[in-house]
C-alpha atoms as a PDB file:
ATOM      1  CA  MET A   1       9.758  -2.692   0.232  1.00  0.00           C
ATOM      2  CA  PRO A   2      11.716  -0.569   2.681  1.00  0.00           C
ATOM      3  CA  SER A   3      11.165  -1.695   6.242  1.00  0.00           C
ATOM      4  CA  PRO A   4       9.333   0.831   8.443  1.00  0.00           C
ATOM      5  CA  ALA A   5      11.861  -0.091  11.136  1.00  0.00           C
ATOM      6  CA  ARG A   6      14.576   1.689   9.227  1.00  0.00           C
ATOM      7  CA  THR A   7      12.412   4.789   8.996  1.00  0.00           C
ATOM      8  CA  HIS A   8      11.012   4.895  12.546  1.00  0.00           C
ATOM      9  CA  ALA A   9      13.934   6.929  13.850  1.00  0.00           C
ATOM     10  CA  SER A  10      13.264   9.742  11.441  1.00  0.00           C
ATOM     11  CA  ARG A  11       9.475   9.541  11.458  1.00  0.00           C
ATOM     12  CA  ARG A  12       9.017  12.521  13.798  1.00  0.00           C
ATOM     13  CA  ASP A  13      11.145  14.757  11.572  1.00  0.00           C
ATOM     14  CA  VAL A  14       9.343  13.554   8.458  1.00  0.00           C
ATOM     15  CA  LEU A  15       5.951  14.136   9.997  1.00  0.00           C
ATOM     16  CA  LEU A  16       6.866  17.656  11.046  1.00  0.00           C
ATOM     17  CA  ALA A  17       8.355  18.391   7.658  1.00  0.00           C
ATOM     18  CA  GLY A  18       5.252  17.082   5.916  1.00  0.00           C
ATOM     19  CA  ILE A  19       2.998  19.242   8.020  1.00  0.00           C
ATOM     20  CA  GLY A  20       5.039  22.360   7.508  1.00  0.00           C
ATOM     21  CA  VAL A  21       5.678  22.149   3.783  1.00  0.00           C
ATOM     22  CA  GLY A  22       3.935  24.752   1.706  1.00  0.00           C
ATOM     23  CA  LEU A  23       3.469  27.316   4.438  1.00  0.00           C
ATOM     24  CA  ALA A  24       5.767  29.720   2.661  1.00  0.00           C
ATOM     25  CA  VAL A  25       3.854  29.561  -0.625  1.00  0.00           C
ATOM     26  CA  PRO A  26       2.129  32.894  -1.319  1.00  0.00           C
ATOM     27  CA  ALA A  27      -1.612  32.748  -0.833  1.00  0.00           C
ATOM     28  CA  HIS A  28      -2.329  34.299  -4.241  1.00  0.00           C
ATOM     29  CA  SER A  29      -0.655  31.354  -6.006  1.00  0.00           C
ATOM     30  CA  GLN A  30      -3.300  29.023  -4.578  1.00  0.00           C
ATOM     31  CA  SER A  31      -6.300  31.353  -4.685  1.00  0.00           C
ATOM     32  CA  THR A  32      -8.005  29.702  -7.672  1.00  0.00           C
ATOM     33  CA  TYR A  33      -7.261  26.046  -7.004  1.00  0.00           C
ATOM     34  CA  PRO A  34      -9.377  24.065  -6.616  1.00  0.00           C
ATOM     35  CA  ASP A  35     -12.559  25.584  -7.973  1.00  0.00           C
ATOM     36  CA  ARG A  36     -14.272  22.342  -9.005  1.00  0.00           C
ATOM     37  CA  ALA A  37     -14.374  18.633  -8.203  1.00  0.00           C
ATOM     38  CA  ILE A  38     -11.139  16.652  -8.212  1.00  0.00           C
ATOM     39  CA  ARG A  39     -10.984  13.216  -9.808  1.00  0.00           C
ATOM     40  CA  THR A  40      -8.737  10.750  -8.013  1.00  0.00           C
ATOM     41  CA  ILE A  41      -7.825   7.561  -9.851  1.00  0.00           C
ATOM     42  CA  VAL A  42      -7.459   4.461  -7.698  1.00  0.00           C
ATOM     43  CA  PRO A  43      -5.775   1.733  -9.792  1.00  0.00           C
ATOM     44  CA  ASN A  44      -7.292  -0.978  -7.614  1.00  0.00           C
ATOM     45  CA  SER A  45     -10.671  -2.592  -7.120  1.00  0.00           C
ATOM     46  CA  PRO A  46     -13.173  -1.313  -4.527  1.00  0.00           C
ATOM     47  CA  GLY A  47     -12.546  -2.833  -1.119  1.00  0.00           C
ATOM     48  CA  SER A  48      -8.829  -3.264  -1.649  1.00  0.00           C
ATOM     49  CA  SER A  49      -6.429  -1.791   0.888  1.00  0.00           C
ATOM     50  CA  VAL A  50      -5.406   1.006  -1.474  1.00  0.00           C
ATOM     51  CA  ASP A  51      -9.045   1.884  -2.122  1.00  0.00           C
ATOM     52  CA  THR A  52      -9.990   1.699   1.562  1.00  0.00           C
ATOM     53  CA  ILE A  53      -7.182   3.947   2.795  1.00  0.00           C
ATOM     54  CA  GLY A  54      -7.176   6.237  -0.227  1.00  0.00           C
ATOM     55  CA  ARG A  55     -10.905   6.837  -0.001  1.00  0.00           C
ATOM     56  CA  VAL A  56     -10.918   7.866   3.669  1.00  0.00           C
ATOM     57  CA  VAL A  57      -7.948  10.223   3.248  1.00  0.00           C
ATOM     58  CA  MET A  58      -9.260  11.804   0.056  1.00  0.00           C
ATOM     59  CA  THR A  59     -12.691  12.348   1.604  1.00  0.00           C
ATOM     60  CA  GLU A  60     -11.078  14.393   4.371  1.00  0.00           C
ATOM     61  CA  LEU A  61      -8.810  16.143   1.871  1.00  0.00           C
ATOM     62  CA  GLY A  62     -11.868  17.211  -0.110  1.00  0.00           C
ATOM     63  CA  LYS A  63     -13.376  18.776   3.005  1.00  0.00           C
ATOM     64  CA  LEU A  64     -10.191  20.745   3.638  1.00  0.00           C
ATOM     65  CA  LEU A  65     -10.012  21.894   0.015  1.00  0.00           C
ATOM     66  CA  GLY A  66     -13.694  22.810  -0.085  1.00  0.00           C
ATOM     67  CA  GLN A  67     -14.367  20.688  -3.172  1.00  0.00           C
ATOM     68  CA  PRO A  68     -15.659  17.139  -3.669  1.00  0.00           C
ATOM     69  CA  VAL A  69     -13.159  14.432  -4.490  1.00  0.00           C
ATOM     70  CA  VAL A  70     -14.537  11.805  -6.859  1.00  0.00           C
ATOM     71  CA  MET A  71     -12.890   8.392  -6.541  1.00  0.00           C
ATOM     72  CA  ASP A  72     -12.441   6.589  -9.868  1.00  0.00           C
ATOM     73  CA  ASN A  73     -11.510   2.900  -9.514  1.00  0.00           C
ATOM     74  CA  ARG A  74      -9.582   1.677 -12.554  1.00  0.00           C
ATOM     75  CA  ALA A  75      -8.297  -1.765 -11.684  1.00  0.00           C
ATOM     76  CA  GLY A  76      -6.451  -4.096 -14.016  1.00  0.00           C
ATOM     77  CA  ALA A  77      -2.945  -5.213 -14.980  1.00  0.00           C
ATOM     78  CA  ALA A  78      -1.761  -5.007 -11.355  1.00  0.00           C
ATOM     79  CA  GLY A  79      -2.669  -1.313 -11.296  1.00  0.00           C
ATOM     80  CA  ALA A  80      -0.948  -0.367 -14.542  1.00  0.00           C
ATOM     81  CA  ILE A  81      -4.160   0.582 -16.342  1.00  0.00           C
ATOM     82  CA  GLY A  82      -5.189   3.209 -13.813  1.00  0.00           C
ATOM     83  CA  VAL A  83      -1.657   4.565 -13.418  1.00  0.00           C
ATOM     84  CA  GLU A  84      -1.307   5.004 -17.179  1.00  0.00           C
ATOM     85  CA  MET A  85      -4.604   6.908 -17.259  1.00  0.00           C
ATOM     86  CA  ALA A  86      -3.267   9.253 -14.597  1.00  0.00           C
ATOM     87  CA  ARG A  87       0.004   9.724 -16.496  1.00  0.00           C
ATOM     88  CA  GLN A  88      -1.878  10.880 -19.584  1.00  0.00           C
ATOM     89  CA  ALA A  89      -4.199  13.244 -17.693  1.00  0.00           C
ATOM     90  CA  ALA A  90      -3.856  17.017 -17.807  1.00  0.00           C
ATOM     91  CA  ALA A  91      -1.420  18.333 -15.214  1.00  0.00           C
ATOM     92  CA  ASP A  92      -3.898  20.833 -13.787  1.00  0.00           C
ATOM     93  CA  GLY A  93      -4.509  19.300 -10.356  1.00  0.00           C
ATOM     94  CA  TYR A  94      -7.954  17.997 -11.218  1.00  0.00           C
ATOM     95  CA  THR A  95      -6.804  14.432 -11.840  1.00  0.00           C
ATOM     96  CA  LEU A  96      -4.737  12.832  -9.088  1.00  0.00           C
ATOM     97  CA  LEU A  97      -3.549   9.294  -8.417  1.00  0.00           C
ATOM     98  CA  VAL A  98      -3.519   7.171  -5.286  1.00  0.00           C
ATOM     99  CA  GLY A  99      -0.341   5.200  -5.898  1.00  0.00           C
ATOM    100  CA  SER A 100       0.928   2.117  -4.106  1.00  0.00           C
ATOM    101  CA  SER A 101       3.916  -0.178  -4.029  1.00  0.00           C
ATOM    102  CA  SER A 102       2.193  -2.717  -6.285  1.00  0.00           C
ATOM    103  CA  ALA A 103       1.196  -0.354  -9.085  1.00  0.00           C
ATOM    104  CA  ILE A 104       4.154   2.021  -8.884  1.00  0.00           C
ATOM    105  CA  SER A 105       7.162  -0.056  -7.816  1.00  0.00           C
ATOM    106  CA  VAL A 106       6.264  -3.551  -8.999  1.00  0.00           C
ATOM    107  CA  ALA A 107       4.250  -3.255 -12.226  1.00  0.00           C
ATOM    108  CA  PRO A 108       6.892  -1.382 -14.284  1.00  0.00           C
ATOM    109  CA  LEU A 109       9.453  -4.056 -13.416  1.00  0.00           C
ATOM    110  CA  LEU A 110       7.307  -7.041 -14.388  1.00  0.00           C
ATOM    111  CA  GLN A 111       5.215  -5.797 -17.310  1.00  0.00           C
ATOM    112  CA  LYS A 112       7.009  -5.017 -20.555  1.00  0.00           C
ATOM    113  CA  ALA A 113       3.932  -3.175 -21.815  1.00  0.00           C
ATOM    114  CA  VAL A 114       4.064  -0.603 -19.003  1.00  0.00           C
ATOM    115  CA  ALA A 115       5.108   2.741 -20.458  1.00  0.00           C
ATOM    116  CA  TYR A 116       5.335   4.856 -17.313  1.00  0.00           C
ATOM    117  CA  GLN A 117       8.466   5.466 -15.278  1.00  0.00           C
ATOM    118  CA  PRO A 118       7.402   6.415 -11.737  1.00  0.00           C
ATOM    119  CA  LEU A 119      10.280   8.752 -10.928  1.00  0.00           C
ATOM    120  CA  ARG A 120      10.036  10.500 -14.284  1.00  0.00           C
ATOM    121  CA  HIS A 121       6.379  10.695 -15.252  1.00  0.00           C
ATOM    122  CA  PHE A 122       4.743  11.805 -11.998  1.00  0.00           C
ATOM    123  CA  GLU A 123       4.857  14.592  -9.461  1.00  0.00           C
ATOM    124  CA  LEU A 124       5.135  13.017  -6.023  1.00  0.00           C
ATOM    125  CA  ILE A 125       2.901  14.900  -3.591  1.00  0.00           C
ATOM    126  CA  SER A 126       3.088  12.977  -0.315  1.00  0.00           C
ATOM    127  CA  LEU A 127       3.190   9.527   1.141  1.00  0.00           C
ATOM    128  CA  MET A 128       0.028   8.936   3.139  1.00  0.00           C
ATOM    129  CA  ALA A 129       0.362   5.547   4.812  1.00  0.00           C
ATOM    130  CA  LEU A 130       2.602   2.604   5.473  1.00  0.00           C
ATOM    131  CA  LEU A 131       0.724  -0.677   5.363  1.00  0.00           C
ATOM    132  CA  PRO A 132       1.874  -3.658   7.375  1.00  0.00           C
ATOM    133  CA  ASN A 133       1.054  -6.888   5.627  1.00  0.00           C
ATOM    134  CA  VAL A 134      -0.859  -9.391   7.726  1.00  0.00           C
ATOM    135  CA  LEU A 135      -0.666 -13.160   7.630  1.00  0.00           C
ATOM    136  CA  VAL A 136      -4.263 -14.378   7.635  1.00  0.00           C
ATOM    137  CA  CYS A 137      -5.640 -17.833   7.035  1.00  0.00           C
ATOM    138  CA  HIS A 138      -8.978 -19.612   6.903  1.00  0.00           C
ATOM    139  CA  PRO A 139     -10.352 -20.107  10.438  1.00  0.00           C
ATOM    140  CA  SER A 140     -10.455 -23.877   9.949  1.00  0.00           C
ATOM    141  CA  LEU A 141      -6.667 -24.186   9.814  1.00  0.00           C
ATOM    142  CA  PRO A 142      -5.513 -25.717  13.142  1.00  0.00           C
ATOM    143  CA  VAL A 143      -2.944 -23.031  13.931  1.00  0.00           C
ATOM    144  CA  THR A 144      -2.847 -20.128  16.389  1.00  0.00           C
ATOM    145  CA  SER A 145       0.622 -18.682  15.769  1.00  0.00           C
ATOM    146  CA  VAL A 146       3.139 -18.048  13.022  1.00  0.00           C
ATOM    147  CA  SER A 147       5.420 -20.812  14.285  1.00  0.00           C
ATOM    148  CA  GLU A 148       2.558 -23.333  14.237  1.00  0.00           C
ATOM    149  CA  PHE A 149       1.625 -22.178  10.753  1.00  0.00           C
ATOM    150  CA  VAL A 150       5.175 -22.664   9.445  1.00  0.00           C
ATOM    151  CA  ARG A 151       5.528 -26.062  11.102  1.00  0.00           C
ATOM    152  CA  LEU A 152       2.256 -27.356   9.656  1.00  0.00           C
ATOM    153  CA  ALA A 153       2.997 -25.826   6.240  1.00  0.00           C
ATOM    154  CA  LYS A 154       6.223 -27.824   6.161  1.00  0.00           C
ATOM    155  CA  GLU A 155       4.387 -31.001   7.139  1.00  0.00           C
ATOM    156  CA  ARG A 156       1.803 -30.394   4.425  1.00  0.00           C
ATOM    157  CA  ALA A 157       4.291 -29.275   1.786  1.00  0.00           C
ATOM    158  CA  GLY A 158       2.493 -28.294  -1.396  1.00  0.00           C
ATOM    159  CA  GLU A 159      -0.981 -28.986   0.000  1.00  0.00           C
ATOM    160  CA  TRP A 160      -1.851 -25.479   1.154  1.00  0.00           C
ATOM    161  CA  ARG A 161      -2.799 -22.808  -1.356  1.00  0.00           C
ATOM    162  CA  MET A 162      -1.505 -19.240  -1.123  1.00  0.00           C
ATOM    163  CA  ALA A 163      -3.673 -16.484  -2.617  1.00  0.00           C
ATOM    164  CA  SER A 164      -2.313 -13.271  -4.100  1.00  0.00           C
ATOM    165  CA  ALA A 165      -3.513 -10.185  -5.963  1.00  0.00           C
ATOM    166  CA  GLY A 166      -1.896 -11.537  -9.123  1.00  0.00           C
ATOM    167  CA  MET A 167       1.359 -12.840 -10.521  1.00  0.00           C
ATOM    168  CA  GLY A 168       4.125 -10.448  -9.506  1.00  0.00           C
ATOM    169  CA  SER A 169       1.847  -8.375  -7.272  1.00  0.00           C
ATOM    170  CA  ALA A 170       3.073  -7.007  -3.962  1.00  0.00           C
ATOM    171  CA  SER A 171       1.174  -9.726  -2.105  1.00  0.00           C
ATOM    172  CA  HIS A 172       2.739 -12.378  -4.342  1.00  0.00           C
ATOM    173  CA  LEU A 173       6.253 -11.086  -3.682  1.00  0.00           C
ATOM    174  CA  ALA A 174       5.562 -10.776   0.045  1.00  0.00           C
ATOM    175  CA  GLY A 175       4.214 -14.326   0.125  1.00  0.00           C
ATOM    176  CA  GLU A 176       7.232 -15.684  -1.733  1.00  0.00           C
ATOM    177  CA  ALA A 177       9.569 -13.865   0.647  1.00  0.00           C
ATOM    178  CA  PHE A 178       7.702 -15.312   3.640  1.00  0.00           C
ATOM    179  CA  GLN A 179       7.896 -18.847   2.258  1.00  0.00           C
ATOM    180  CA  SER A 180      11.591 -18.439   1.545  1.00  0.00           C
ATOM    181  CA  ALA A 181      12.274 -17.149   5.058  1.00  0.00           C
ATOM    182  CA  GLY A 182      10.101 -19.857   6.638  1.00  0.00           C
ATOM    183  CA  GLY A 183      11.465 -22.711   4.541  1.00  0.00           C
ATOM    184  CA  PHE A 184       8.175 -24.040   3.145  1.00  0.00           C
ATOM    185  CA  LYS A 185       6.223 -23.942  -0.104  1.00  0.00           C
ATOM    186  CA  SER A 186       2.524 -23.522  -0.926  1.00  0.00           C
ATOM    187  CA  LEU A 187       0.710 -23.634  -4.235  1.00  0.00           C
ATOM    188  CA  HIS A 188       0.387 -20.073  -5.554  1.00  0.00           C
ATOM    189  CA  VAL A 189      -3.131 -19.119  -6.718  1.00  0.00           C
ATOM    190  CA  PRO A 190      -3.140 -15.623  -8.308  1.00  0.00           C
ATOM    191  CA  TYR A 191      -6.324 -13.541  -8.489  1.00  0.00           C
ATOM    192  CA  ARG A 192      -7.207 -10.340 -10.296  1.00  0.00           C
ATOM    193  CA  GLY A 193      -6.855  -7.949  -7.387  1.00  0.00           C
ATOM    194  CA  GLY A 194      -6.237  -7.941  -3.654  1.00  0.00           C
ATOM    195  CA  SER A 195      -9.876  -8.074  -2.579  1.00  0.00           C
ATOM    196  CA  GLN A 196     -10.508 -11.159  -4.740  1.00  0.00           C
ATOM    197  CA  GLY A 197      -7.481 -12.894  -3.247  1.00  0.00           C
ATOM    198  CA  VAL A 198      -8.621 -12.176   0.299  1.00  0.00           C
ATOM    199  CA  ALA A 199     -12.168 -13.273  -0.551  1.00  0.00           C
ATOM    200  CA  SER A 200     -10.796 -16.590  -1.805  1.00  0.00           C
ATOM    201  CA  VAL A 201      -9.371 -17.308   1.656  1.00  0.00           C
ATOM    202  CA  VAL A 202     -12.698 -16.425   3.287  1.00  0.00           C
ATOM    203  CA  ALA A 203     -14.422 -18.873   0.913  1.00  0.00           C
ATOM    204  CA  HIS A 204     -11.658 -21.429   1.563  1.00  0.00           C
ATOM    205  CA  GLU A 205     -10.802 -21.647  -2.130  1.00  0.00           C
ATOM    206  CA  THR A 206      -7.304 -20.929  -0.812  1.00  0.00           C
ATOM    207  CA  ASP A 207      -5.802 -21.335   2.642  1.00  0.00           C
ATOM    208  CA  TRP A 208      -3.803 -18.194   3.383  1.00  0.00           C
ATOM    209  CA  VAL A 209      -2.599 -14.849   2.119  1.00  0.00           C
ATOM    210  CA  LEU A 210      -0.115 -12.187   3.141  1.00  0.00           C
ATOM    211  CA  THR A 211      -1.973  -8.980   2.353  1.00  0.00           C
ATOM    212  CA  PRO A 212      -2.018  -5.322   3.437  1.00  0.00           C
ATOM    213  CA  ALA A 213      -3.849  -4.995   6.745  1.00  0.00           C
ATOM    214  CA  PRO A 214      -6.690  -2.723   5.538  1.00  0.00           C
ATOM    215  CA  ALA A 215      -7.891  -5.425   3.141  1.00  0.00           C
ATOM    216  CA  ALA A 216      -8.301  -7.987   5.908  1.00  0.00           C
ATOM    217  CA  MET A 217      -8.912  -6.450   9.330  1.00  0.00           C
ATOM    218  CA  SER A 218     -12.696  -6.079   9.061  1.00  0.00           C
ATOM    219  CA  LEU A 219     -12.877  -9.764   8.106  1.00  0.00           C
ATOM    220  CA  VAL A 220     -10.667 -10.645  11.055  1.00  0.00           C
ATOM    221  CA  ALA A 221     -13.010  -8.692  13.333  1.00  0.00           C
ATOM    222  CA  GLY A 222     -15.929 -10.645  11.904  1.00  0.00           C
ATOM    223  CA  LYS A 223     -14.069 -13.923  12.542  1.00  0.00           C
ATOM    224  CA  ARG A 224     -14.091 -14.782   8.854  1.00  0.00           C
ATOM    225  CA  LEU A 225     -10.290 -14.796   8.801  1.00  0.00           C
ATOM    226  CA  LYS A 226      -7.733 -15.813  11.413  1.00  0.00           C
ATOM    227  CA  LEU A 227      -4.949 -13.270  12.060  1.00  0.00           C
ATOM    228  CA  LEU A 228      -1.530 -14.710  12.913  1.00  0.00           C
ATOM    229  CA  GLY A 229       1.009 -11.896  12.536  1.00  0.00           C
ATOM    230  CA  HIS A 230       2.078  -8.641  10.869  1.00  0.00           C
ATOM    231  CA  SER A 231       5.074  -7.796   8.698  1.00  0.00           C
ATOM    232  CA  MET A 232       6.464  -4.758  10.476  1.00  0.00           C
ATOM    233  CA  PRO A 233       9.591  -5.140  12.625  1.00  0.00           C
ATOM    234  CA  ALA A 234       9.607  -6.936  15.950  1.00  0.00           C
ATOM    235  CA  GLY A 235       8.854  -4.482  18.725  1.00  0.00           C
ATOM    236  CA  THR A 236       6.372  -2.418  16.690  1.00  0.00           C
ATOM    237  CA  HIS A 237       2.647  -2.689  17.392  1.00  0.00           C
ATOM    238  CA  PRO A 238       0.498  -1.464  14.489  1.00  0.00           C
ATOM    239  CA  LEU A 239      -2.197  -4.009  15.389  1.00  0.00           C
ATOM    240  CA  GLY A 240      -2.343  -4.083  19.154  1.00  0.00           C
ATOM    241  CA  ASP A 241      -1.009  -7.327  20.578  1.00  0.00           C
ATOM    242  CA  THR A 242      -0.641  -9.037  17.206  1.00  0.00           C
ATOM    243  CA  PRO A 243       2.964 -10.306  17.013  1.00  0.00           C
ATOM    244  CA  ALA A 244       5.427  -9.503  14.270  1.00  0.00           C
ATOM    245  CA  ILE A 245       6.067 -12.381  11.892  1.00  0.00           C
ATOM    246  CA  GLY A 246       9.768 -11.603  12.254  1.00  0.00           C
ATOM    247  CA  THR A 247       9.760 -12.694  15.895  1.00  0.00           C
ATOM    248  CA  GLU A 248       9.189 -16.267  14.737  1.00  0.00           C
ATOM    249  CA  VAL A 249      10.609 -16.088  11.208  1.00  0.00           C
ATOM    250  CA  PRO A 250      13.775 -14.020  11.723  1.00  0.00           C
ATOM    251  CA  GLY A 251      14.562 -11.411   9.127  1.00  0.00           C
ATOM    252  CA  PHE A 252      11.100 -11.173   7.586  1.00  0.00           C
ATOM    253  CA  GLU A 253       9.903  -7.568   7.114  1.00  0.00           C
ATOM    254  CA  VAL A 254       7.865  -6.667   4.018  1.00  0.00           C
ATOM    255  CA  SER A 255       5.339  -3.820   4.159  1.00  0.00           C
ATOM    256  CA  GLY A 256       3.668  -1.583   1.601  1.00  0.00           C
ATOM    257  CA  TRP A 257       2.851   2.096   1.130  1.00  0.00           C
ATOM    258  CA  ILE A 258       0.180   4.404  -0.288  1.00  0.00           C
ATOM    259  CA  GLY A 259       0.869   7.904  -1.585  1.00  0.00           C
ATOM    260  CA  LEU A 260      -0.705  10.763  -3.506  1.00  0.00           C
ATOM    261  CA  MET A 261       0.694  11.596  -6.948  1.00  0.00           C
ATOM    262  CA  GLY A 262      -0.149  13.708  -9.979  1.00  0.00           C
ATOM    263  CA  PRO A 263       0.811  13.865 -13.653  1.00  0.00           C
ATOM    264  CA  GLN A 264       4.214  15.265 -14.557  1.00  0.00           C
ATOM    265  CA  GLY A 265       4.111  19.050 -14.775  1.00  0.00           C
ATOM    266  CA  LEU A 266       1.699  19.652 -11.914  1.00  0.00           C
ATOM    267  CA  PRO A 267       2.293  23.269 -10.761  1.00  0.00           C
ATOM    268  CA  ALA A 268       4.585  23.602  -7.766  1.00  0.00           C
ATOM    269  CA  SER A 269       1.997  25.705  -5.932  1.00  0.00           C
ATOM    270  CA  THR A 270      -0.602  22.957  -6.389  1.00  0.00           C
ATOM    271  CA  VAL A 271       1.819  20.298  -5.156  1.00  0.00           C
ATOM    272  CA  ALA A 272       2.627  22.420  -2.091  1.00  0.00           C
ATOM    273  CA  LEU A 273      -1.048  23.022  -1.273  1.00  0.00           C
ATOM    274  CA  LEU A 274      -1.977  19.361  -1.636  1.00  0.00           C
ATOM    275  CA  ASN A 275       1.057  18.290   0.390  1.00  0.00           C
ATOM    276  CA  ARG A 276       0.077  20.550   3.274  1.00  0.00           C
ATOM    277  CA  GLN A 277      -3.560  19.496   3.190  1.00  0.00           C
ATOM    278  CA  VAL A 278      -2.725  15.778   3.059  1.00  0.00           C
ATOM    279  CA  ALA A 279      -0.710  16.208   6.255  1.00  0.00           C
ATOM    280  CA  GLN A 280      -3.687  17.941   7.869  1.00  0.00           C
ATOM    281  CA  ALA A 281      -6.131  15.296   6.617  1.00  0.00           C
ATOM    282  CA  LEU A 282      -4.028  12.573   8.231  1.00  0.00           C
ATOM    283  CA  GLN A 283      -4.523  14.276  11.599  1.00  0.00           C
ATOM    284  CA  THR A 284      -8.330  14.355  11.462  1.00  0.00           C
ATOM    285  CA  PRO A 285     -10.266  12.069  13.833  1.00  0.00           C
ATOM    286  CA  ALA A 286     -11.934  10.220  10.953  1.00  0.00           C
ATOM    287  CA  VAL A 287      -8.616   9.275   9.377  1.00  0.00           C
ATOM    288  CA  ARG A 288      -6.981   8.437  12.694  1.00  0.00           C
ATOM    289  CA  GLN A 289      -9.855   6.111  13.571  1.00  0.00           C
ATOM    290  CA  ALA A 290      -9.842   4.448  10.151  1.00  0.00           C
ATOM    291  CA  PHE A 291      -6.089   3.903  10.254  1.00  0.00           C
ATOM    292  CA  GLU A 292      -6.302   2.407  13.726  1.00  0.00           C
ATOM    293  CA  THR A 293      -9.109   0.083  12.626  1.00  0.00           C
ATOM    294  CA  HIS A 294      -7.261  -1.097   9.539  1.00  0.00           C
ATOM    295  CA  GLY A 295      -3.748  -1.199  10.920  1.00  0.00           C
ATOM    296  CA  ALA A 296      -2.329   1.532   8.686  1.00  0.00           C
ATOM    297  CA  VAL A 297       0.396   3.906   9.876  1.00  0.00           C
ATOM    298  CA  ALA A 298       0.024   7.597   8.929  1.00  0.00           C
ATOM    299  CA  TYR A 299       3.172   8.765   7.142  1.00  0.00           C
ATOM    300  CA  PRO A 300       3.066  12.195   5.457  1.00  0.00           C
ATOM    301  CA  THR A 301       6.246  13.390   3.743  1.00  0.00           C
ATOM    302  CA  ARG A 302       7.507  16.276   1.714  1.00  0.00           C
ATOM    303  CA  PRO A 303       7.669  15.553  -2.051  1.00  0.00           C
ATOM    304  CA  GLU A 304      11.440  15.120  -2.020  1.00  0.00           C
ATOM    305  CA  ALA A 305      11.230  12.651   0.877  1.00  0.00           C
ATOM    306  CA  PHE A 306       8.588  10.707  -1.056  1.00  0.00           C
ATOM    307  CA  ARG A 307      11.008  10.570  -4.021  1.00  0.00           C
ATOM    308  CA  THR A 308      13.800   9.224  -1.828  1.00  0.00           C
ATOM    309  CA  TYR A 309      11.507   6.597  -0.327  1.00  0.00           C
ATOM    310  CA  LEU A 310      10.256   5.522  -3.750  1.00  0.00           C
ATOM    311  CA  SER A 311      13.773   5.223  -5.143  1.00  0.00           C
ATOM    312  CA  LYS A 312      14.700   2.848  -2.329  1.00  0.00           C
ATOM    313  CA  ASP A 313      11.446   0.920  -2.687  1.00  0.00           C
ATOM    314  CA  ILE A 314      12.088   0.300  -6.383  1.00  0.00           C
ATOM    315  CA  ALA A 315      15.598  -0.970  -5.624  1.00  0.00           C
ATOM    316  CA  VAL A 316      14.336  -3.361  -2.933  1.00  0.00           C
ATOM    317  CA  THR A 317      11.542  -4.547  -5.230  1.00  0.00           C
ATOM    318  CA  GLN A 318      14.052  -5.320  -7.963  1.00  0.00           C
ATOM    319  CA  ALA A 319      15.961  -7.492  -5.505  1.00  0.00           C
ATOM    320  CA  ALA A 320      12.771  -9.311  -4.431  1.00  0.00           C
ATOM    321  CA  ILE A 321      11.830 -10.014  -8.038  1.00  0.00           C
ATOM    322  CA  ARG A 322      15.254 -11.496  -8.715  1.00  0.00           C
ATOM    323  CA  ALA A 323      14.984 -13.651  -5.593  1.00  0.00           C
ATOM    324  CA  ALA A 324      11.572 -14.936  -6.737  1.00  0.00           C
ATOM    325  CA  GLY A 325      12.995 -15.765 -10.157  1.00  0.00           C
ATOM    326  CA  LEU A 326      10.412 -13.639 -11.983  1.00  0.00           C
ATOM    327  CA  GLN A 327      10.907 -12.087 -15.403  1.00  0.00           C
ATOM    328  CA  ALA A 328       9.128  -9.200 -17.089  1.00  0.00           C
ATOM    329  CA  GLU A 329       6.462 -10.388 -19.498  1.00  0.00           C
END
């Protein structure tokens, strides 16, 4: 997934552009939307990072729009089930999708049964967040840093178990990339969703996971997981004093994203309104506090900037899949 480091330089311009988009749209074109509740499909299980971040942003978006936003969790097939439901929904603005790198960039490349093409079948409204992955392990592991973790993982080659959200999921690919960069190997244990994978580390069914920060930070705060590092570039501080993994495993940077999407054919005026309101929602105190707590980075964009980001993300994901030796099934 594209490194936030390569986008930091332009973040201010992107933020300003995201906030300003839609201001020129005539008021009468938006006067009747929305006039009822909006259903937002989350193709992930409750408690996952996508659900956690998507829910807090969409709650604030609903307040700005003056209508309730109903979250509809439709997990399964690494997000493909929920995304396909959103693709087939009416393009009237009353069914939206909280998309993520796993469901949008990864699933179509690894599942032959997936019918949707992200850049073709959806209207891209706005990115909402960049998600640093965090390296967390069971508290019983005798390590306090990334370098200690890598050293012990090499000594115990094949003994430790790595959890993931499923075969070919974003957490699986991130974990494989980390092992490759660190020069060690753990037994991969795939689960059916990110929250289940994280829970397996808490229960010590597995030993570690590289997962989006929102799925783990409350457990870190409760001392049920041990936090060792984050996946954003060295020199960035999305999680206070937590070090970047790349400072001790050079070259490692793998983070995720969350964005708002709609079915193909969504009216331009609706896209513009939602884009503007997402940018405003990301500035509210509730969202700012939630993002700070969970280690997410607010990242609103114009629709065309979202498209550019997604195009690059798909290309990088293709390269990661080849490196992991995975094939579509």
